[in-house]
Amino acid sequence: MPASVADAIAAVPLDAFDAAALTRGARNSGTIATAFVETLIAKVQATAPAAAPFVHWGTTSQDLADTSFVLCL
């Protein structure tokens, strides 16, 4: 992944995420990962369309959920 792509993804600010919307999405899918990834892709798409396909590249939603859980521990 080019550094510019990683920079575009990392540039999405935390306040770009609506906690209530993520919660609703988690209720529908059973995991916060799906709602988070969908939101992150949309935010990256809006500012750096070429980087958007890389948002969920090489990982699974379960990887995201597991890593998040371990970081909380």
PDB file of N, CA and C in Angstrom:
ATOM      1  N   MET A   1       0.852  -1.166   0.000  1.00  0.00           N
ATOM      2  CA  MET A   1       0.000   0.000   0.000  1.00  0.00           C
ATOM      3  C   MET A   1       0.899   1.231   0.000  1.00  0.00           C
ATOM      4  N   PRO A   2       0.660   2.148  -0.911  1.00  0.00           N
ATOM      5  CA  PRO A   2       1.452   3.375  -0.928  1.00  0.00           C
ATOM      6  C   PRO A   2       1.248   4.202   0.350  1.00  0.00           C
ATOM      7  N   ALA A   3       2.290   4.893   0.747  1.00  0.00           N
ATOM      8  CA  ALA A   3       2.210   5.734   1.951  1.00  0.00           C
ATOM      9  C   ALA A   3       1.111   6.781   1.825  1.00  0.00           C
ATOM     10  N   SER A   4       0.899   7.288   0.624  1.00  0.00           N
ATOM     11  CA  SER A   4      -0.145   8.305   0.439  1.00  0.00           C
ATOM     12  C   SER A   4      -1.534   7.747   0.742  1.00  0.00           C
ATOM     13  N   VAL A   5      -1.735   6.472   0.462  1.00  0.00           N
ATOM     14  CA  VAL A   5      -3.016   5.826   0.768  1.00  0.00           C
ATOM     15  C   VAL A   5      -3.186   5.701   2.283  1.00  0.00           C
ATOM     16  N   ALA A   6      -2.143   5.234   2.948  1.00  0.00           N
ATOM     17  CA  ALA A   6      -2.196   5.116   4.413  1.00  0.00           C
ATOM     18  C   ALA A   6      -2.428   6.482   5.044  1.00  0.00           C
ATOM     19  N   ASP A   7      -1.787   7.503   4.507  1.00  0.00           N
ATOM     20  CA  ASP A   7      -1.970   8.858   5.035  1.00  0.00           C
ATOM     21  C   ASP A   7      -3.408   9.332   4.848  1.00  0.00           C
ATOM     22  N   ALA A   8      -4.006   9.028   3.701  1.00  0.00           N
ATOM     23  CA  ALA A   8      -5.389   9.444   3.434  1.00  0.00           C
ATOM     24  C   ALA A   8      -6.355   8.762   4.393  1.00  0.00           C
ATOM     25  N   ILE A   9      -6.114   7.495   4.673  1.00  0.00           N
ATOM     26  CA  ILE A   9      -6.980   6.761   5.597  1.00  0.00           C
ATOM     27  C   ILE A   9      -6.800   7.300   7.020  1.00  0.00           C
ATOM     28  N   ALA A  10      -5.555   7.495   7.412  1.00  0.00           N
ATOM     29  CA  ALA A  10      -5.267   7.985   8.762  1.00  0.00           C
ATOM     30  C   ALA A  10      -5.740   9.420   8.973  1.00  0.00           C
ATOM     31  N   ALA A  11      -5.947  10.160   7.906  1.00  0.00           N
ATOM     32  CA  ALA A  11      -6.352  11.566   8.014  1.00  0.00           C
ATOM     33  C   ALA A  11      -7.821  11.747   8.390  1.00  0.00           C
ATOM     34  N   VAL A  12      -8.595  10.677   8.346  1.00  0.00           N
ATOM     35  CA  VAL A  12     -10.010  10.794   8.732  1.00  0.00           C
ATOM     36  C   VAL A  12     -10.067  11.021  10.238  1.00  0.00           C
ATOM     37  N   PRO A  13     -10.611  12.157  10.661  1.00  0.00           N
ATOM     38  CA  PRO A  13     -10.627  12.462  12.101  1.00  0.00           C
ATOM     39  C   PRO A  13     -11.649  11.613  12.860  1.00  0.00           C
ATOM     40  N   LEU A  14     -11.370  11.374  14.112  1.00  0.00           N
ATOM     41  CA  LEU A  14     -12.286  10.584  14.935  1.00  0.00           C
ATOM     42  C   LEU A  14     -13.674  11.203  15.019  1.00  0.00           C
ATOM     43  N   ASP A  15     -13.737  12.528  14.983  1.00  0.00           N
ATOM     44  CA  ASP A  15     -15.045  13.164  15.096  1.00  0.00           C
ATOM     45  C   ASP A  15     -15.871  13.044  13.807  1.00  0.00           C
ATOM     46  N   ALA A  16     -15.321  12.379  12.800  1.00  0.00           N
ATOM     47  CA  ALA A  16     -16.065  12.118  11.567  1.00  0.00           C
ATOM     48  C   ALA A  16     -17.038  10.953  11.740  1.00  0.00           C
ATOM     49  N   PHE A  17     -16.918  10.258  12.870  1.00  0.00           N
ATOM     50  CA  PHE A  17     -17.752   9.094  13.123  1.00  0.00           C
ATOM     51  C   PHE A  17     -18.868   9.447  14.102  1.00  0.00           C
ATOM     52  N   ASP A  18     -20.087   9.092  13.737  1.00  0.00           N
ATOM     53  CA  ASP A  18     -21.269   9.325  14.567  1.00  0.00           C
ATOM     54  C   ASP A  18     -21.491   8.075  15.423  1.00  0.00           C
ATOM     55  N   ALA A  19     -21.242   8.187  16.718  1.00  0.00           N
ATOM     56  CA  ALA A  19     -21.345   7.042  17.619  1.00  0.00           C
ATOM     57  C   ALA A  19     -22.732   6.410  17.584  1.00  0.00           C
ATOM     58  N   ALA A  20     -23.767   7.219  17.513  1.00  0.00           N
ATOM     59  CA  ALA A  20     -25.130   6.680  17.483  1.00  0.00           C
ATOM     60  C   ALA A  20     -25.364   5.882  16.203  1.00  0.00           C
ATOM     61  N   ALA A  21     -24.875   6.378  15.083  1.00  0.00           N
ATOM     62  CA  ALA A  21     -25.027   5.662  13.815  1.00  0.00           C
ATOM     63  C   ALA A  21     -24.237   4.355  13.826  1.00  0.00           C
ATOM     64  N   LEU A  22     -23.044   4.385  14.402  1.00  0.00           N
ATOM     65  CA  LEU A  22     -22.254   3.161  14.507  1.00  0.00           C
ATOM     66  C   LEU A  22     -22.959   2.133  15.395  1.00  0.00           C
ATOM     67  N   THR A  23     -23.588   2.603  16.453  1.00  0.00           N
ATOM     68  CA  THR A  23     -24.329   1.713  17.352  1.00  0.00           C
ATOM     69  C   THR A  23     -25.502   1.070  16.630  1.00  0.00           C
ATOM     70  N   ARG A  24     -26.233   1.879  15.868  1.00  0.00           N
ATOM     71  CA  ARG A  24     -27.362   1.324  15.097  1.00  0.00           C
ATOM     72  C   ARG A  24     -26.857   0.292  14.089  1.00  0.00           C
ATOM     73  N   GLY A  25     -25.754   0.597  13.426  1.00  0.00           N
ATOM     74  CA  GLY A  25     -25.183  -0.336  12.466  1.00  0.00           C
ATOM     75  C   GLY A  25     -24.744  -1.630  13.120  1.00  0.00           C
ATOM     76  N   ALA A  26     -24.182  -1.528  14.313  1.00  0.00           N
ATOM     77  CA  ALA A  26     -23.739  -2.717  15.042  1.00  0.00           C
ATOM     78  C   ALA A  26     -24.922  -3.596  15.427  1.00  0.00           C
ATOM     79  N   ARG A  27     -26.014  -2.979  15.766  1.00  0.00           N
ATOM     80  CA  ARG A  27     -27.212  -3.760  16.103  1.00  0.00           C
ATOM     81  C   ARG A  27     -27.704  -4.544  14.892  1.00  0.00           C
ATOM     82  N   ASN A  28     -27.585  -3.954  13.713  1.00  0.00           N
ATOM     83  CA  ASN A  28     -28.055  -4.619  12.494  1.00  0.00           C
ATOM     84  C   ASN A  28     -27.137  -5.740  12.049  1.00  0.00           C
ATOM     85  N   SER A  29     -25.837  -5.537  12.189  1.00  0.00           N
ATOM     86  CA  SER A  29     -24.879  -6.524  11.658  1.00  0.00           C
ATOM     87  C   SER A  29     -24.322  -7.469  12.714  1.00  0.00           C
ATOM     88  N   GLY A  30     -24.466  -7.111  13.980  1.00  0.00           N
ATOM     89  CA  GLY A  30     -23.935  -7.946  15.044  1.00  0.00           C
ATOM     90  C   GLY A  30     -22.504  -7.604  15.428  1.00  0.00           C
ATOM     91  N   THR A  31     -21.913  -6.652  14.742  1.00  0.00           N
ATOM     92  CA  THR A  31     -20.553  -6.213  15.059  1.00  0.00           C
ATOM     93  C   THR A  31     -20.375  -4.750  14.685  1.00  0.00           C
ATOM     94  N   ILE A  32     -19.624  -4.045  15.474  1.00  0.00           N
ATOM     95  CA  ILE A  32     -19.336  -2.640  15.181  1.00  0.00           C
ATOM     96  C   ILE A  32     -18.435  -2.511  13.959  1.00  0.00           C
ATOM     97  N   ALA A  33     -17.692  -3.575  13.644  1.00  0.00           N
ATOM     98  CA  ALA A  33     -16.714  -3.517  12.559  1.00  0.00           C
ATOM     99  C   ALA A  33     -17.351  -3.164  11.226  1.00  0.00           C
ATOM    100  N   THR A  34     -18.478  -3.763  10.912  1.00  0.00           N
ATOM    101  CA  THR A  34     -19.119  -3.520   9.616  1.00  0.00           C
ATOM    102  C   THR A  34     -19.515  -2.055   9.471  1.00  0.00           C
ATOM    103  N   ALA A  35     -20.162  -1.510  10.470  1.00  0.00           N
ATOM    104  CA  ALA A  35     -20.584  -0.110  10.410  1.00  0.00           C
ATOM    105  C   ALA A  35     -19.375   0.821  10.366  1.00  0.00           C
ATOM    106  N   PHE A  36     -18.348   0.502  11.141  1.00  0.00           N
ATOM    107  CA  PHE A  36     -17.141   1.324  11.155  1.00  0.00           C
ATOM    108  C   PHE A  36     -16.461   1.323   9.787  1.00  0.00           C
ATOM    109  N   VAL A  37     -16.279   0.146   9.211  1.00  0.00           N
ATOM    110  CA  VAL A  37     -15.596   0.042   7.918  1.00  0.00           C
ATOM    111  C   VAL A  37     -16.399   0.749   6.832  1.00  0.00           C
ATOM    112  N   GLU A  38     -17.699   0.566   6.812  1.00  0.00           N
ATOM    113  CA  GLU A  38     -18.534   1.240   5.813  1.00  0.00           C
ATOM    114  C   GLU A  38     -18.423   2.759   5.932  1.00  0.00           C
ATOM    115  N   THR A  39     -18.423   3.256   7.153  1.00  0.00           N
ATOM    116  CA  THR A  39     -18.295   4.691   7.377  1.00  0.00           C
ATOM    117  C   THR A  39     -16.914   5.183   6.960  1.00  0.00           C
ATOM    118  N   LEU A  40     -15.884   4.460   7.342  1.00  0.00           N
ATOM    119  CA  LEU A  40     -14.516   4.860   6.989  1.00  0.00           C
ATOM    120  C   LEU A  40     -14.327   4.868   5.479  1.00  0.00           C
ATOM    121  N   ILE A  41     -14.841   3.865   4.793  1.00  0.00           N
ATOM    122  CA  ILE A  41     -14.737   3.846   3.325  1.00  0.00           C
ATOM    123  C   ILE A  41     -15.406   5.080   2.734  1.00  0.00           C
ATOM    124  N   ALA A  42     -16.595   5.415   3.211  1.00  0.00           N
ATOM    125  CA  ALA A  42     -17.305   6.596   2.696  1.00  0.00           C
ATOM    126  C   ALA A  42     -16.526   7.880   2.947  1.00  0.00           C
ATOM    127  N   LYS A  43     -15.941   8.013   4.128  1.00  0.00           N
ATOM    128  CA  LYS A  43     -15.172   9.219   4.453  1.00  0.00           C
ATOM    129  C   LYS A  43     -13.920   9.322   3.586  1.00  0.00           C
ATOM    130  N   VAL A  44     -13.225   8.214   3.373  1.00  0.00           N
ATOM    131  CA  VAL A  44     -12.032   8.226   2.533  1.00  0.00           C
ATOM    132  C   VAL A  44     -12.424   8.474   1.079  1.00  0.00           C
ATOM    133  N   GLN A  45     -13.496   7.859   0.641  1.00  0.00           N
ATOM    134  CA  GLN A  45     -13.989   8.053  -0.730  1.00  0.00           C
ATOM    135  C   GLN A  45     -14.253   9.526  -1.021  1.00  0.00           C
ATOM    136  N   ALA A  46     -14.761  10.245  -0.036  1.00  0.00           N
ATOM    137  CA  ALA A  46     -15.089  11.657  -0.219  1.00  0.00           C
ATOM    138  C   ALA A  46     -13.862  12.545  -0.399  1.00  0.00           C
ATOM    139  N   THR A  47     -12.748  12.141   0.185  1.00  0.00           N
ATOM    140  CA  THR A  47     -11.551  12.992   0.120  1.00  0.00           C
ATOM    141  C   THR A  47     -10.427  12.428  -0.737  1.00  0.00           C
ATOM    142  N   ALA A  48     -10.363  11.106  -0.852  1.00  0.00           N
ATOM    143  CA  ALA A  48      -9.282  10.462  -1.619  1.00  0.00           C
ATOM    144  C   ALA A  48      -9.823   9.188  -2.260  1.00  0.00           C
ATOM    145  N   PRO A  49     -10.606   9.315  -3.333  1.00  0.00           N
ATOM    146  CA  PRO A  49     -11.271   8.159  -3.935  1.00  0.00           C
ATOM    147  C   PRO A  49     -10.343   6.988  -4.280  1.00  0.00           C
ATOM    148  N   ALA A  50      -9.139   7.276  -4.697  1.00  0.00           N
ATOM    149  CA  ALA A  50      -8.213   6.198  -5.059  1.00  0.00           C
ATOM    150  C   ALA A  50      -7.772   5.382  -3.844  1.00  0.00           C
ATOM    151  N   ALA A  51      -7.877   5.946  -2.666  1.00  0.00           N
ATOM    152  CA  ALA A  51      -7.468   5.256  -1.445  1.00  0.00           C
ATOM    153  C   ALA A  51      -8.573   4.382  -0.864  1.00  0.00           C
ATOM    154  N   ALA A  52      -9.820   4.661  -1.209  1.00  0.00           N
ATOM    155  CA  ALA A  52     -10.965   3.957  -0.614  1.00  0.00           C
ATOM    156  C   ALA A  52     -10.901   2.433  -0.746  1.00  0.00           C
ATOM    157  N   PRO A  53     -10.477   1.870  -1.881  1.00  0.00           N
ATOM    158  CA  PRO A  53     -10.429   0.401  -1.975  1.00  0.00           C
ATOM    159  C   PRO A  53      -9.441  -0.255  -0.998  1.00  0.00           C
ATOM    160  N   PHE A  54      -8.528   0.524  -0.464  1.00  0.00           N
ATOM    161  CA  PHE A  54      -7.528  -0.014   0.450  1.00  0.00           C
ATOM    162  C   PHE A  54      -7.980  -0.026   1.916  1.00  0.00           C
ATOM    163  N   VAL A  55      -9.105   0.592   2.225  1.00  0.00           N
ATOM    164  CA  VAL A  55      -9.547   0.715   3.616  1.00  0.00           C
ATOM    165  C   VAL A  55      -9.685  -0.654   4.281  1.00  0.00           C
ATOM    166  N   HIS A  56     -10.260  -1.598   3.606  1.00  0.00           N
ATOM    167  CA  HIS A  56     -10.512  -2.915   4.184  1.00  0.00           C
ATOM    168  C   HIS A  56      -9.656  -3.975   3.477  1.00  0.00           C
ATOM    169  N   TRP A  57      -8.534  -3.577   2.956  1.00  0.00           N
ATOM    170  CA  TRP A  57      -7.655  -4.441   2.173  1.00  0.00           C
ATOM    171  C   TRP A  57      -6.767  -5.275   3.084  1.00  0.00           C
ATOM    172  N   GLY A  58      -6.825  -6.586   2.931  1.00  0.00           N
ATOM    173  CA  GLY A  58      -5.931  -7.468   3.664  1.00  0.00           C
ATOM    174  C   GLY A  58      -6.372  -7.833   5.069  1.00  0.00           C
ATOM    175  N   THR A  59      -7.535  -7.409   5.477  1.00  0.00           N
ATOM    176  CA  THR A  59      -8.042  -7.759   6.805  1.00  0.00           C
ATOM    177  C   THR A  59      -9.505  -8.176   6.693  1.00  0.00           C
ATOM    178  N   THR A  60      -9.992  -8.751   7.750  1.00  0.00           N
ATOM    179  CA  THR A  60     -11.411  -9.084   7.821  1.00  0.00           C
ATOM    180  C   THR A  60     -12.049  -8.249   8.917  1.00  0.00           C
ATOM    181  N   SER A  61     -13.359  -8.205   8.906  1.00  0.00           N
ATOM    182  CA  SER A  61     -14.070  -7.490   9.971  1.00  0.00           C
ATOM    183  C   SER A  61     -13.786  -8.146  11.319  1.00  0.00           C
ATOM    184  N   GLN A  62     -13.602  -9.449  11.324  1.00  0.00           N
ATOM    185  CA  GLN A  62     -13.288 -10.142  12.572  1.00  0.00           C
ATOM    186  C   GLN A  62     -11.906  -9.732  13.077  1.00  0.00           C
ATOM    187  N   ASP A  63     -10.939  -9.521  12.166  1.00  0.00           N
ATOM    188  CA  ASP A  63      -9.619  -9.021  12.574  1.00  0.00           C
ATOM    189  C   ASP A  63      -9.764  -7.680  13.285  1.00  0.00           C
ATOM    190  N   LEU A  64     -10.587  -6.812  12.721  1.00  0.00           N
ATOM    191  CA  LEU A  64     -10.813  -5.498  13.322  1.00  0.00           C
ATOM    192  C   LEU A  64     -11.452  -5.635  14.700  1.00  0.00           C
ATOM    193  N   ALA A  65     -12.468  -6.483  14.801  1.00  0.00           N
ATOM    194  CA  ALA A  65     -13.142  -6.659  16.093  1.00  0.00           C
ATOM    195  C   ALA A  65     -12.194  -7.245  17.139  1.00  0.00           C
ATOM    196  N   ASP A  66     -11.412  -8.241  16.736  1.00  0.00           N
ATOM    197  CA  ASP A  66     -10.476  -8.871  17.680  1.00  0.00           C
ATOM    198  C   ASP A  66      -9.396  -7.894  18.136  1.00  0.00           C
ATOM    199  N   THR A  67      -8.841  -7.144  17.207  1.00  0.00           N
ATOM    200  CA  THR A  67      -7.791  -6.175  17.561  1.00  0.00           C
ATOM    201  C   THR A  67      -8.352  -5.100  18.473  1.00  0.00           C
ATOM    202  N   SER A  68      -9.535  -4.607  18.179  1.00  0.00           N
ATOM    203  CA  SER A  68     -10.164  -3.590  19.020  1.00  0.00           C
ATOM    204  C   SER A  68     -10.391  -4.115  20.434  1.00  0.00           C
ATOM    205  N   PHE A  69     -10.851  -5.337  20.538  1.00  0.00           N
ATOM    206  CA  PHE A  69     -11.107  -5.953  21.833  1.00  0.00           C
ATOM    207  C   PHE A  69      -9.813  -6.065  22.648  1.00  0.00           C
ATOM    208  N   VAL A  70      -8.756  -6.525  22.003  1.00  0.00           N
ATOM    209  CA  VAL A  70      -7.481  -6.675  22.697  1.00  0.00           C
ATOM    210  C   VAL A  70      -6.936  -5.323  23.129  1.00  0.00           C
ATOM    211  N   LEU A  71      -7.071  -4.307  22.302  1.00  0.00           N
ATOM    212  CA  LEU A  71      -6.610  -2.969  22.682  1.00  0.00           C
ATOM    213  C   LEU A  71      -7.383  -2.440  23.895  1.00  0.00           C
ATOM    214  N   CYS A  72      -8.656  -2.777  23.983  1.00  0.00           N
ATOM    215  CA  CYS A  72      -9.452  -2.357  25.146  1.00  0.00           C
ATOM    216  C   CYS A  72      -9.010  -3.073  26.425  1.00  0.00           C
ATOM    217  N   LEU A  73      -8.562  -4.313  26.273  1.00  0.00           N
ATOM    218  CA  LEU A  73      -8.117  -5.054  27.448  1.00  0.00           C
ATOM    219  C   LEU A  73      -6.871  -4.433  28.023  1.00  0.00           C
TER     220      LEU A  73
END
